[in-house]
Amino acid sequence: MVKKEIPFTLNVYDKEGNFKGVRDMNASKSSSSQISNQTTSQHNTSKKQTIARPSKAQTWAKQAGLTVAGIALGGFLLYQGGRAIFSNDGRIDNQNFSKVEQEFLPEGKVVGLIENNDTTYFTAKDSFMRNLSAQKNYVDILNLTVDTDVMNETRSLVDKLTFNELMKTTGLNGMFKVYTGFTKGKTDFDFAMNSMWVKKVAKMDGRFSLLSAQWAGDYEQEKTPKSNLAEFKETIGEELETMLANFDKESFYHVGDSVYVGNEKVSIEFHPEKKRFFDNFLSHLNENILTTYTLTELFPDISPAFNVAAFDKLLQEAGTEFVYKIPALADEYLSHGPFQLTSKIITPEGAPSLNEYFAEDSQIPASMKYIDTFQEHNRGAVMTILYNADILANKLYSAGEITSFNDNFEKLSKKEQELFIAGQASAAHHYSSKSASVVRDYQQQVTEGKKNFADIVSSIDYGKGLNSYFDQSVRNYLVLDAMDSQAQSRNAKKR
């Protein structure tokens, strides 16, 4: 049996995905390797091979009780007891391994995991996990661009696996583990829903406990209708279109709001600049902004392309009802659904106060206790965005900056306008008054010549906490927009 060594570069990450360093290594390969002949052939044409000697990879792996079994185009597998290790929960079964071998190895995208006292993920250069842990490097907020090659690669790899296989082959944790109920190497969405509501109820007082238990108990994965990202976007797009058609804009524009200019209370009734502000705002509100709202609320701030693919898969496997029942686990309010609407904003004085400007079939309940249907969640998200935008318009007016803001906003490209609205909607969801003040202050600095309004998307500073929501929303929107552009190009070629 002839053994050869294959040199490769190993990028090492800890279990949170933080880059820990680079190792230059060699892996032994023999004619009895478990990698397929086709893969071996592909590899032999692209890697220099040398006479075998004790390799660093073998030495390092041996210290962890593992052996290097094979290399394919920069990817590698680690074995223990003849079975591949891919997750914190142990080894994957042969059926899953066959799929991983077939789909990942030819592209060199295998993720290995050493299980010892200091659990360490490590991947070959430019692998799937490196792209994932790099988080934002392929979405450039400064230039508002997306590396579509990385985006497509990420989506392609995720699409090839079920959520169960995805959890096993990537070692994902955090909210992904919570949403999938991943325990003992298996996903369980029924368990996930019940577990989330148990945690949610523990954060709330007793007023809604029974209702919360009922919401969790109503969900059954096998019975809930399944969906996908395209259908989700289509549904909320249709709901948005209906709501805007049923929106009495003129009455809303002319509402007799009063604001303070200095010490003087001034009515902004019939103010034309408020009408101009909302004409601009409403003309750009679309299904991608609402989908971005959901992605930013539900998923952690990692690879936006991965978040999009994972959300699509969640709709396909857990179903639409799952997404509309997900509770917000970080707060003590009654809050749930794809937009994580809360009892703090869904009150008679909050977003539902806009009901009077909508036709009856576009209105929502004035309490989260009664927000139940998909349509009510969708309408609640639109009203929340409008309610927070109204706070922004009033702050700009009170500062004497609404006309300048409108002038500057209209000079942005359509894409920049949509990105700003997407980011502002998410920031305002978490702190509407502060986010509005930040935009007002930015506009004042533009007026004073200290800032360039054209840079608002890439340079506005909401401060610690809110910045992450704004930036993540911009990245998520850029990916959704890039995916739409690709789909339009494909459709155009078919015509």
Protein backbone atom coordinates (compact mmCIF):
# COMPACT_ATOMS: atom_id res chain seq x y z
CA MET A 1 0.00 0.00 0.00
CA VAL A 2 1.57 3.28 -1.11
CA LYS A 3 0.98 6.26 1.11
CA LYS A 4 1.40 9.81 -0.03
CA GLU A 5 1.18 13.10 1.75
CA ILE A 6 -1.02 15.97 0.67
CA PRO A 7 -0.10 19.41 1.99
CA PHE A 8 -2.90 21.74 2.97
CA THR A 9 -3.60 24.78 5.13
CA LEU A 10 -5.82 24.30 8.17
CA ASN A 11 -7.79 27.26 9.57
CA VAL A 12 -8.67 26.65 13.22
CA TYR A 13 -11.79 28.06 14.92
CA ASP A 14 -13.15 27.67 18.42
CA LYS A 15 -16.71 26.44 19.00
CA GLU A 16 -18.11 29.98 18.72
CA GLY A 17 -16.56 30.26 15.26
CA ASN A 18 -13.77 32.65 16.30
CA PHE A 19 -10.62 32.34 14.20
CA LYS A 20 -7.76 30.91 16.29
CA GLY A 21 -4.91 30.59 13.80
CA VAL A 22 -3.54 28.71 10.77
CA ARG A 23 -1.71 25.36 10.66
CA ASP A 24 0.30 24.20 7.67
CA MET A 25 -0.28 20.45 7.56
CA ASN A 26 0.03 17.25 5.54
CA ALA A 27 -2.46 14.39 5.46
CA SER A 28 -1.57 10.83 4.52
CA LYS A 29 -3.50 9.29 1.65
CA SER A 30 -3.43 5.73 0.38
CA SER A 31 -5.10 3.62 -2.25
CA SER A 32 -7.42 2.24 0.44
CA SER A 33 -8.79 5.68 1.37
CA GLN A 34 -12.55 5.83 1.88
CA ILE A 35 -12.77 8.77 -0.53
CA SER A 36 -14.31 7.84 -3.85
CA ASN A 37 -12.14 7.15 -6.93
CA GLN A 38 -13.75 10.08 -8.72
CA THR A 39 -12.84 12.45 -5.91
CA THR A 40 -9.33 11.01 -5.70
CA SER A 41 -8.87 11.55 -9.39
CA GLN A 42 -10.04 15.13 -9.12
CA HIS A 43 -7.72 15.69 -6.20
CA ASN A 44 -4.66 14.19 -7.87
CA THR A 45 -4.90 16.75 -10.65
CA SER A 46 -4.94 19.70 -8.28
CA LYS A 47 -2.58 18.86 -5.38
CA LYS A 48 1.12 18.16 -5.28
CA GLN A 49 1.84 14.80 -3.60
CA THR A 50 5.03 13.70 -1.84
CA ILE A 51 6.48 10.53 -0.35
CA ALA A 52 4.81 9.69 2.95
CA ARG A 53 6.33 10.55 6.31
CA PRO A 54 4.61 10.94 9.72
CA SER A 55 2.25 13.85 9.11
CA LYS A 56 1.38 16.69 11.44
CA ALA A 57 -2.28 15.99 10.77
CA GLN A 58 -1.88 12.39 11.93
CA THR A 59 0.10 13.41 15.00
CA TRP A 60 -2.38 16.10 15.99
CA ALA A 61 -5.38 13.89 15.38
CA LYS A 62 -3.83 11.00 17.28
CA GLN A 63 -3.54 13.16 20.37
CA ALA A 64 -7.32 13.53 20.25
CA GLY A 65 -7.88 9.82 19.59
CA LEU A 66 -8.69 10.37 15.92
CA THR A 67 -7.18 9.41 12.57
CA VAL A 68 -7.15 11.25 9.28
CA ALA A 69 -8.98 9.09 6.76
CA GLY A 70 -8.93 11.12 3.60
CA ILE A 71 -8.53 14.36 1.74
CA ALA A 72 -10.54 15.76 -1.17
CA LEU A 73 -9.78 19.09 -2.81
CA GLY A 74 -8.77 20.68 0.47
CA GLY A 75 -11.57 19.10 2.51
CA PHE A 76 -10.96 16.33 5.03
CA LEU A 77 -12.71 13.92 7.36
CA LEU A 78 -11.75 12.77 10.83
CA TYR A 79 -12.74 9.30 12.00
CA GLN A 80 -13.07 7.72 15.40
CA GLY A 81 -13.86 4.04 15.59
CA GLY A 82 -14.44 3.99 11.84
CA ARG A 83 -17.20 6.60 11.84
CA ALA A 84 -17.09 10.26 10.92
CA ILE A 85 -17.47 12.96 13.56
CA PHE A 86 -19.45 16.04 12.57
CA SER A 87 -21.22 17.51 15.59
CA ASN A 88 -21.12 18.19 19.31
CA ASP A 89 -23.60 15.35 19.78
CA GLY A 90 -21.33 12.67 18.33
CA ARG A 91 -21.13 10.79 15.06
CA ILE A 92 -23.46 10.82 12.10
CA ASP A 93 -24.94 7.60 10.79
CA ASN A 94 -23.86 5.90 7.57
CA GLN A 95 -26.81 7.20 5.58
CA ASN A 96 -26.02 10.79 6.50
CA PHE A 97 -22.32 10.22 5.89
CA SER A 98 -23.02 8.97 2.37
CA LYS A 99 -24.91 12.15 1.60
CA VAL A 100 -22.23 14.35 3.10
CA GLU A 101 -19.52 12.45 1.23
CA GLN A 102 -21.43 12.79 -2.02
CA GLU A 103 -22.37 16.45 -1.70
CA PHE A 104 -19.51 17.99 0.25
CA LEU A 105 -16.31 16.10 -0.54
CA PRO A 106 -16.17 16.81 -4.28
CA GLU A 107 -16.26 20.51 -3.41
CA GLY A 108 -13.86 20.26 -0.48
CA LYS A 109 -16.43 21.55 1.99
CA VAL A 110 -16.27 18.97 4.76
CA VAL A 111 -16.34 20.30 8.31
CA GLY A 112 -14.35 18.33 10.88
CA LEU A 113 -14.65 18.45 14.64
CA ILE A 114 -12.21 17.26 17.28
CA GLU A 115 -14.01 16.28 20.44
CA ASN A 116 -11.77 16.63 23.46
CA ASN A 117 -11.57 18.88 26.49
CA ASP A 118 -11.17 21.92 24.28
CA THR A 119 -13.67 21.38 21.46
CA THR A 120 -12.31 22.89 18.26
CA TYR A 121 -13.85 23.23 14.83
CA PHE A 122 -11.46 23.33 11.94
CA THR A 123 -11.94 23.44 8.22
CA ALA A 124 -9.95 23.46 5.04
CA LYS A 125 -9.24 26.82 3.48
CA ASP A 126 -12.27 28.59 1.94
CA SER A 127 -14.67 25.99 3.35
CA PHE A 128 -18.32 26.39 4.22
CA MET A 129 -17.71 26.93 7.94
CA ARG A 130 -15.06 29.53 7.23
CA ASN A 131 -17.54 31.49 5.14
CA LEU A 132 -20.13 31.11 7.86
CA SER A 133 -17.88 32.14 10.74
CA ALA A 134 -16.47 35.04 8.70
CA GLN A 135 -20.02 36.35 8.99
CA LYS A 136 -20.14 39.60 7.07
CA ASN A 137 -17.05 39.62 4.88
CA TYR A 138 -18.92 39.00 1.61
CA VAL A 139 -21.59 41.67 2.18
CA ASP A 140 -19.95 45.09 1.90
CA ILE A 141 -22.02 47.78 3.64
CA LEU A 142 -19.59 50.51 2.60
CA ASN A 143 -20.11 49.82 -1.10
CA LEU A 144 -23.53 48.14 -0.70
CA THR A 145 -22.43 45.05 -2.63
CA VAL A 146 -22.63 41.28 -2.23
CA ASP A 147 -20.13 38.65 -3.33
CA THR A 148 -22.71 36.53 -5.13
CA ASP A 149 -20.31 33.60 -5.55
CA VAL A 150 -20.10 33.16 -1.77
CA MET A 151 -23.83 33.83 -1.45
CA ASN A 152 -24.69 31.17 -4.01
CA GLU A 153 -22.22 28.68 -2.57
CA THR A 154 -23.68 29.09 0.92
CA ARG A 155 -27.23 28.72 -0.32
CA SER A 156 -26.34 25.70 -2.45
CA LEU A 157 -24.67 23.84 0.42
CA VAL A 158 -27.52 24.52 2.85
CA ASP A 159 -30.17 23.54 0.30
CA LYS A 160 -28.64 20.09 -0.14
CA LEU A 161 -29.27 19.03 3.45
CA THR A 162 -32.26 18.59 5.70
CA PHE A 163 -32.25 20.62 8.92
CA ASN A 164 -31.32 17.45 10.79
CA GLU A 165 -28.30 16.87 8.53
CA LEU A 166 -27.49 20.58 8.62
CA MET A 167 -27.30 20.61 12.40
CA LYS A 168 -25.08 17.53 12.39
CA THR A 169 -22.69 18.65 9.69
CA THR A 170 -22.13 22.22 10.88
CA GLY A 171 -22.23 21.99 14.66
CA LEU A 172 -24.57 25.00 14.80
CA ASN A 173 -25.87 26.02 18.19
CA GLY A 174 -27.56 29.05 19.72
CA MET A 175 -30.93 29.95 18.22
CA PHE A 176 -30.58 27.30 15.51
CA LYS A 177 -30.46 24.65 18.19
CA VAL A 178 -33.41 26.27 19.98
CA TYR A 179 -35.57 26.47 16.84
CA THR A 180 -34.88 22.90 15.77
CA GLY A 181 -35.10 21.29 19.21
CA PHE A 182 -31.85 19.55 18.31
CA THR A 183 -30.96 17.07 21.05
CA LYS A 184 -29.22 13.71 20.97
CA GLY A 185 -28.42 14.14 17.28
CA LYS A 186 -32.02 14.70 16.18
CA THR A 187 -34.24 17.67 15.36
CA ASP A 188 -37.69 17.85 16.99
CA PHE A 189 -39.78 20.90 16.14
CA ASP A 190 -42.66 19.93 18.45
CA PHE A 191 -40.20 19.72 21.33
CA ALA A 192 -38.65 23.04 20.23
CA MET A 193 -41.99 24.88 20.27
CA ASN A 194 -42.93 23.60 23.71
CA SER A 195 -39.48 24.29 25.10
CA MET A 196 -39.47 27.86 23.80
CA TRP A 197 -42.83 28.64 25.38
CA VAL A 198 -41.77 27.10 28.69
CA LYS A 199 -38.81 29.51 28.69
CA LYS A 200 -41.03 32.37 27.59
CA VAL A 201 -43.59 31.82 30.33
CA ALA A 202 -40.78 31.73 32.88
CA LYS A 203 -39.84 35.30 31.86
CA MET A 204 -43.42 36.59 32.01
CA ASP A 205 -45.75 37.09 34.96
CA GLY A 206 -48.67 34.72 35.40
CA ARG A 207 -51.28 36.65 33.44
CA PHE A 208 -50.67 34.94 30.13
CA SER A 209 -49.32 31.57 31.27
CA LEU A 210 -52.33 29.49 30.25
CA LEU A 211 -52.63 31.28 26.94
CA SER A 212 -48.93 30.72 26.23
CA ALA A 213 -49.24 27.01 26.99
CA GLN A 214 -52.20 26.83 24.63
CA TRP A 215 -50.22 28.46 21.80
CA ALA A 216 -47.37 26.02 22.21
CA GLY A 217 -49.71 23.04 22.55
CA ASP A 218 -51.58 23.85 19.34
CA TYR A 219 -48.52 23.32 17.14
CA GLU A 220 -47.86 19.95 15.52
CA GLN A 221 -45.21 19.71 12.84
CA GLU A 222 -46.90 16.89 10.94
CA LYS A 223 -50.19 18.78 10.66
CA THR A 224 -49.04 22.34 9.98
CA PRO A 225 -48.95 23.47 6.32
CA LYS A 226 -45.44 23.72 4.91
CA SER A 227 -44.23 26.71 2.94
CA ASN A 228 -41.05 28.32 1.64
CA LEU A 229 -39.37 31.70 1.39
CA ALA A 230 -40.97 32.58 -1.96
CA GLU A 231 -44.47 31.90 -0.64
CA PHE A 232 -43.76 33.83 2.57
CA LYS A 233 -42.62 36.87 0.59
CA GLU A 234 -45.58 36.61 -1.75
CA THR A 235 -48.07 36.42 1.13
CA ILE A 236 -46.73 39.40 3.06
CA GLY A 237 -46.36 41.33 -0.21
CA GLU A 238 -50.04 40.80 -0.99
CA GLU A 239 -51.01 41.78 2.57
CA LEU A 240 -48.91 44.95 2.29
CA GLU A 241 -50.51 45.83 -1.03
CA THR A 242 -54.01 45.36 0.43
CA MET A 243 -53.20 47.43 3.49
CA LEU A 244 -51.79 50.34 1.52
CA ALA A 245 -54.85 50.26 -0.74
CA ASN A 246 -57.02 50.46 2.40
CA PHE A 247 -54.93 53.22 4.01
CA ASP A 248 -56.55 56.66 4.25
CA LYS A 249 -53.31 58.49 3.63
CA GLU A 250 -54.83 61.95 3.36
CA SER A 251 -56.44 61.74 6.79
CA PHE A 252 -53.22 60.35 8.22
CA TYR A 253 -51.13 63.13 6.67
CA HIS A 254 -53.49 65.77 8.03
CA VAL A 255 -53.73 64.43 11.55
CA GLY A 256 -53.41 67.25 14.07
CA ASP A 257 -50.24 66.08 15.80
CA SER A 258 -48.59 68.64 18.02
CA VAL A 259 -44.86 68.88 18.61
CA TYR A 260 -42.61 71.31 20.47
CA VAL A 261 -40.39 73.71 18.56
CA GLY A 262 -38.27 75.11 21.34
CA ASN A 263 -40.78 75.92 24.07
CA GLU A 264 -43.64 76.49 21.65
CA LYS A 265 -46.23 73.82 20.94
CA VAL A 266 -46.91 73.74 17.20
CA SER A 267 -49.48 71.75 15.20
CA ILE A 268 -48.18 70.00 12.13
CA GLU A 269 -51.64 69.54 10.71
CA PHE A 270 -51.70 69.79 6.90
CA HIS A 271 -47.93 70.09 6.78
CA PRO A 272 -46.91 69.24 3.19
CA GLU A 273 -43.47 67.97 4.18
CA LYS A 274 -44.98 65.23 6.32
CA LYS A 275 -47.00 64.12 3.30
CA ARG A 276 -43.83 64.19 1.22
CA PHE A 277 -41.98 62.17 3.86
CA PHE A 278 -44.61 59.40 3.88
CA ASP A 279 -45.07 59.41 0.11
CA ASN A 280 -41.35 58.64 -0.14
CA PHE A 281 -41.51 56.09 2.66
CA LEU A 282 -44.57 54.19 1.46
CA SER A 283 -43.39 54.05 -2.15
CA HIS A 284 -40.39 51.98 -1.05
CA LEU A 285 -42.01 49.74 1.56
CA ASN A 286 -42.01 46.23 0.06
CA GLU A 287 -41.99 42.51 0.85
CA ASN A 288 -38.18 42.39 1.07
CA ILE A 289 -38.19 45.02 3.81
CA LEU A 290 -40.76 42.99 5.75
CA THR A 291 -38.80 39.77 5.16
CA THR A 292 -35.64 41.54 6.32
CA TYR A 293 -37.57 42.58 9.44
CA THR A 294 -38.26 38.88 10.12
CA LEU A 295 -34.70 37.68 9.38
CA THR A 296 -33.20 40.28 11.69
CA GLU A 297 -35.61 39.47 14.49
CA LEU A 298 -35.37 35.69 14.33
CA PHE A 299 -31.77 34.91 13.40
CA PRO A 300 -28.37 35.78 14.89
CA ASP A 301 -26.00 38.22 13.25
CA ILE A 302 -24.02 35.73 11.16
CA SER A 303 -23.95 35.02 7.44
CA PRO A 304 -27.03 36.70 5.92
CA ALA A 305 -27.11 34.19 3.05
CA PHE A 306 -27.10 31.39 5.59
CA ASN A 307 -29.94 33.07 7.50
CA VAL A 308 -32.01 33.35 4.32
CA ALA A 309 -31.42 29.68 3.47
CA ALA A 310 -32.12 28.57 7.05
CA PHE A 311 -35.37 30.56 7.17
CA ASP A 312 -36.45 28.97 3.88
CA LYS A 313 -35.69 25.54 5.32
CA LEU A 314 -37.53 26.33 8.57
CA LEU A 315 -40.67 27.17 6.57
CA GLN A 316 -40.29 23.99 4.50
CA GLU A 317 -39.78 21.61 7.43
CA ALA A 318 -41.33 23.20 10.54
CA GLY A 319 -44.10 24.94 8.60
CA THR A 320 -45.70 28.35 8.48
CA GLU A 321 -47.44 28.03 11.83
CA PHE A 322 -44.13 27.40 13.58
CA VAL A 323 -42.76 30.73 12.40
CA TYR A 324 -45.89 32.60 13.49
CA LYS A 325 -45.78 31.01 16.96
CA ILE A 326 -42.08 31.56 17.77
CA PRO A 327 -41.91 33.49 21.06
CA ALA A 328 -39.41 36.26 21.71
CA LEU A 329 -37.16 34.71 24.34
CA ALA A 330 -35.18 37.80 25.36
CA ASP A 331 -37.97 39.89 26.91
CA GLU A 332 -40.64 39.51 29.58
CA TYR A 333 -43.48 40.82 27.41
CA LEU A 334 -46.12 38.88 25.53
CA SER A 335 -44.26 38.80 22.22
CA HIS A 336 -44.10 36.30 19.40
CA GLY A 337 -44.31 35.68 15.66
CA PRO A 338 -42.04 36.33 12.68
CA PHE A 339 -41.81 40.05 13.50
CA GLN A 340 -41.59 39.48 17.27
CA LEU A 341 -44.39 41.98 17.93
CA THR A 342 -44.68 42.81 21.63
CA SER A 343 -47.31 43.90 24.12
CA LYS A 344 -45.22 47.05 24.51
CA ILE A 345 -46.13 48.34 21.03
CA ILE A 346 -49.43 46.55 20.38
CA THR A 347 -51.51 48.70 22.71
CA PRO A 348 -54.42 51.13 22.14
CA GLU A 349 -51.89 54.00 22.24
CA GLY A 350 -49.30 52.20 20.10
CA ALA A 351 -49.35 50.82 16.56
CA PRO A 352 -53.10 49.87 16.70
CA SER A 353 -53.89 53.57 17.18
CA LEU A 354 -53.48 53.73 13.38
CA ASN A 355 -56.53 51.49 12.93
CA GLU A 356 -58.68 54.56 12.32
CA TYR A 357 -56.82 55.21 9.07
CA PHE A 358 -57.37 51.70 7.70
CA ALA A 359 -60.44 49.93 6.37
CA GLU A 360 -61.91 47.45 8.85
CA ASP A 361 -60.51 44.36 7.10
CA SER A 362 -56.97 45.75 7.47
CA GLN A 363 -57.18 46.60 11.17
CA ILE A 364 -55.58 44.69 14.05
CA PRO A 365 -56.51 43.96 17.69
CA ALA A 366 -55.25 46.51 20.22
CA SER A 367 -53.63 43.83 22.39
CA MET A 368 -51.11 41.05 21.78
CA LYS A 369 -53.49 38.73 23.64
CA TYR A 370 -55.66 38.75 20.52
CA ILE A 371 -53.01 38.85 17.77
CA ASP A 372 -53.45 35.33 16.47
CA THR A 373 -53.79 34.94 12.71
CA PHE A 374 -51.02 35.20 10.13
CA GLN A 375 -52.79 38.23 8.65
CA GLU A 376 -52.88 40.02 12.01
CA HIS A 377 -49.14 39.52 12.49
CA ASN A 378 -48.45 40.83 8.98
CA ARG A 379 -50.70 43.86 9.48
CA GLY A 380 -49.21 44.46 12.91
CA ALA A 381 -45.73 44.60 11.39
CA VAL A 382 -46.81 47.16 8.77
CA MET A 383 -48.57 49.32 11.37
CA THR A 384 -45.55 49.14 13.69
CA ILE A 385 -43.26 50.33 10.90
CA LEU A 386 -45.64 53.19 10.06
CA TYR A 387 -46.10 54.13 13.71
CA ASN A 388 -42.33 54.34 14.24
CA ALA A 389 -41.89 56.25 10.97
CA ASP A 390 -44.42 58.80 12.23
CA ILE A 391 -42.28 59.31 15.35
CA LEU A 392 -39.30 59.97 13.06
CA ALA A 393 -41.27 62.44 10.90
CA ASN A 394 -42.39 64.39 13.97
CA LYS A 395 -38.85 64.55 15.41
CA LEU A 396 -37.50 65.82 12.10
CA TYR A 397 -40.24 68.44 11.96
CA SER A 398 -39.69 69.64 15.51
CA ALA A 399 -35.99 70.10 14.70
CA GLY A 400 -36.79 72.02 11.51
CA GLU A 401 -35.07 69.32 9.46
CA ILE A 402 -37.90 67.48 7.70
CA THR A 403 -37.59 69.44 4.44
CA SER A 404 -33.82 68.96 4.29
CA PHE A 405 -34.24 65.27 5.11
CA ASN A 406 -36.76 64.85 2.28
CA ASP A 407 -34.47 66.70 -0.16
CA ASN A 408 -31.52 64.50 0.75
CA PHE A 409 -33.50 61.25 0.85
CA GLU A 410 -34.78 61.84 -2.68
CA LYS A 411 -31.18 62.15 -3.91
CA LEU A 412 -30.34 58.61 -2.76
CA SER A 413 -30.61 55.72 -5.19
CA LYS A 414 -33.69 53.50 -4.94
CA LYS A 415 -31.54 50.77 -3.41
CA GLU A 416 -30.09 53.12 -0.78
CA GLN A 417 -33.57 54.38 0.11
CA GLU A 418 -34.84 50.85 0.63
CA LEU A 419 -31.77 49.87 2.67
CA PHE A 420 -32.23 52.86 4.96
CA ILE A 421 -35.92 52.07 5.51
CA ALA A 422 -35.11 48.39 6.19
CA GLY A 423 -32.43 49.28 8.74
CA GLN A 424 -34.44 52.03 10.40
CA ALA A 425 -37.48 49.75 10.72
CA SER A 426 -35.45 47.19 12.68
CA ALA A 427 -33.67 49.75 14.86
CA ALA A 428 -36.98 51.48 15.64
CA HIS A 429 -38.58 48.15 16.55
CA HIS A 430 -36.21 47.97 19.51
CA TYR A 431 -36.08 51.65 20.50
CA SER A 432 -38.27 53.89 18.36
CA SER A 433 -37.60 57.20 20.12
CA LYS A 434 -33.82 56.79 20.23
CA SER A 435 -33.56 55.60 16.63
CA ALA A 436 -35.59 58.60 15.47
CA SER A 437 -33.33 60.93 17.47
CA VAL A 438 -30.24 59.39 15.86
CA VAL A 439 -31.60 60.07 12.34
CA ARG A 440 -32.59 63.61 13.33
CA ASP A 441 -29.11 64.28 14.76
CA TYR A 442 -27.47 62.86 11.64
CA GLN A 443 -29.55 65.18 9.44
CA GLN A 444 -28.59 68.15 11.63
CA GLN A 445 -24.91 67.29 11.16
CA VAL A 446 -25.51 67.15 7.40
CA THR A 447 -27.03 70.62 7.56
CA GLU A 448 -23.98 71.81 9.51
CA GLY A 449 -21.64 70.33 6.88
CA LYS A 450 -20.23 67.69 9.24
CA LYS A 451 -21.76 64.66 7.50
CA ASN A 452 -22.57 63.58 3.97
CA PHE A 453 -26.16 62.36 3.70
CA ALA A 454 -25.19 60.08 0.81
CA ASP A 455 -23.23 57.99 3.35
CA ILE A 456 -26.14 57.55 5.75
CA VAL A 457 -26.57 53.80 5.19
CA SER A 458 -22.90 52.98 5.77
CA SER A 459 -22.00 55.58 8.40
CA ILE A 460 -25.00 56.34 10.63
CA ASP A 461 -24.24 55.44 14.24
CA TYR A 462 -27.16 54.27 16.38
CA GLY A 463 -24.89 53.36 19.26
CA LYS A 464 -24.18 50.04 20.91
CA GLY A 465 -27.07 47.62 20.49
CA LEU A 466 -29.11 49.37 17.83
CA ASN A 467 -26.20 49.44 15.38
CA SER A 468 -26.30 45.66 15.13
CA TYR A 469 -29.98 45.67 14.17
CA PHE A 470 -29.49 48.35 11.52
CA ASP A 471 -26.35 46.75 10.03
CA GLN A 472 -27.78 43.23 10.07
CA SER A 473 -30.92 44.44 8.32
CA VAL A 474 -28.86 46.13 5.62
CA ARG A 475 -26.91 42.90 5.03
CA ASN A 476 -30.05 40.77 4.98
CA TYR A 477 -31.73 43.13 2.53
CA LEU A 478 -28.68 43.23 0.25
CA VAL A 479 -28.74 39.41 0.02
CA LEU A 480 -32.49 39.28 -0.67
CA ASP A 481 -32.09 41.97 -3.32
CA ALA A 482 -29.14 40.12 -4.94
CA MET A 483 -31.17 36.90 -5.01
CA ASP A 484 -34.08 38.72 -6.67
CA SER A 485 -31.74 40.20 -9.28
CA GLN A 486 -30.40 36.75 -10.11
CA ALA A 487 -33.92 35.34 -10.39
CA GLN A 488 -34.94 38.17 -12.71
CA SER A 489 -31.88 37.54 -14.90
CA ARG A 490 -32.71 33.82 -15.13
CA ASN A 491 -36.31 34.57 -16.05
CA ALA A 492 -35.24 37.10 -18.66
CA LYS A 493 -33.01 34.50 -20.33
CA LYS A 494 -35.92 32.06 -20.53
CA ARG A 495 -38.05 34.50 -22.49
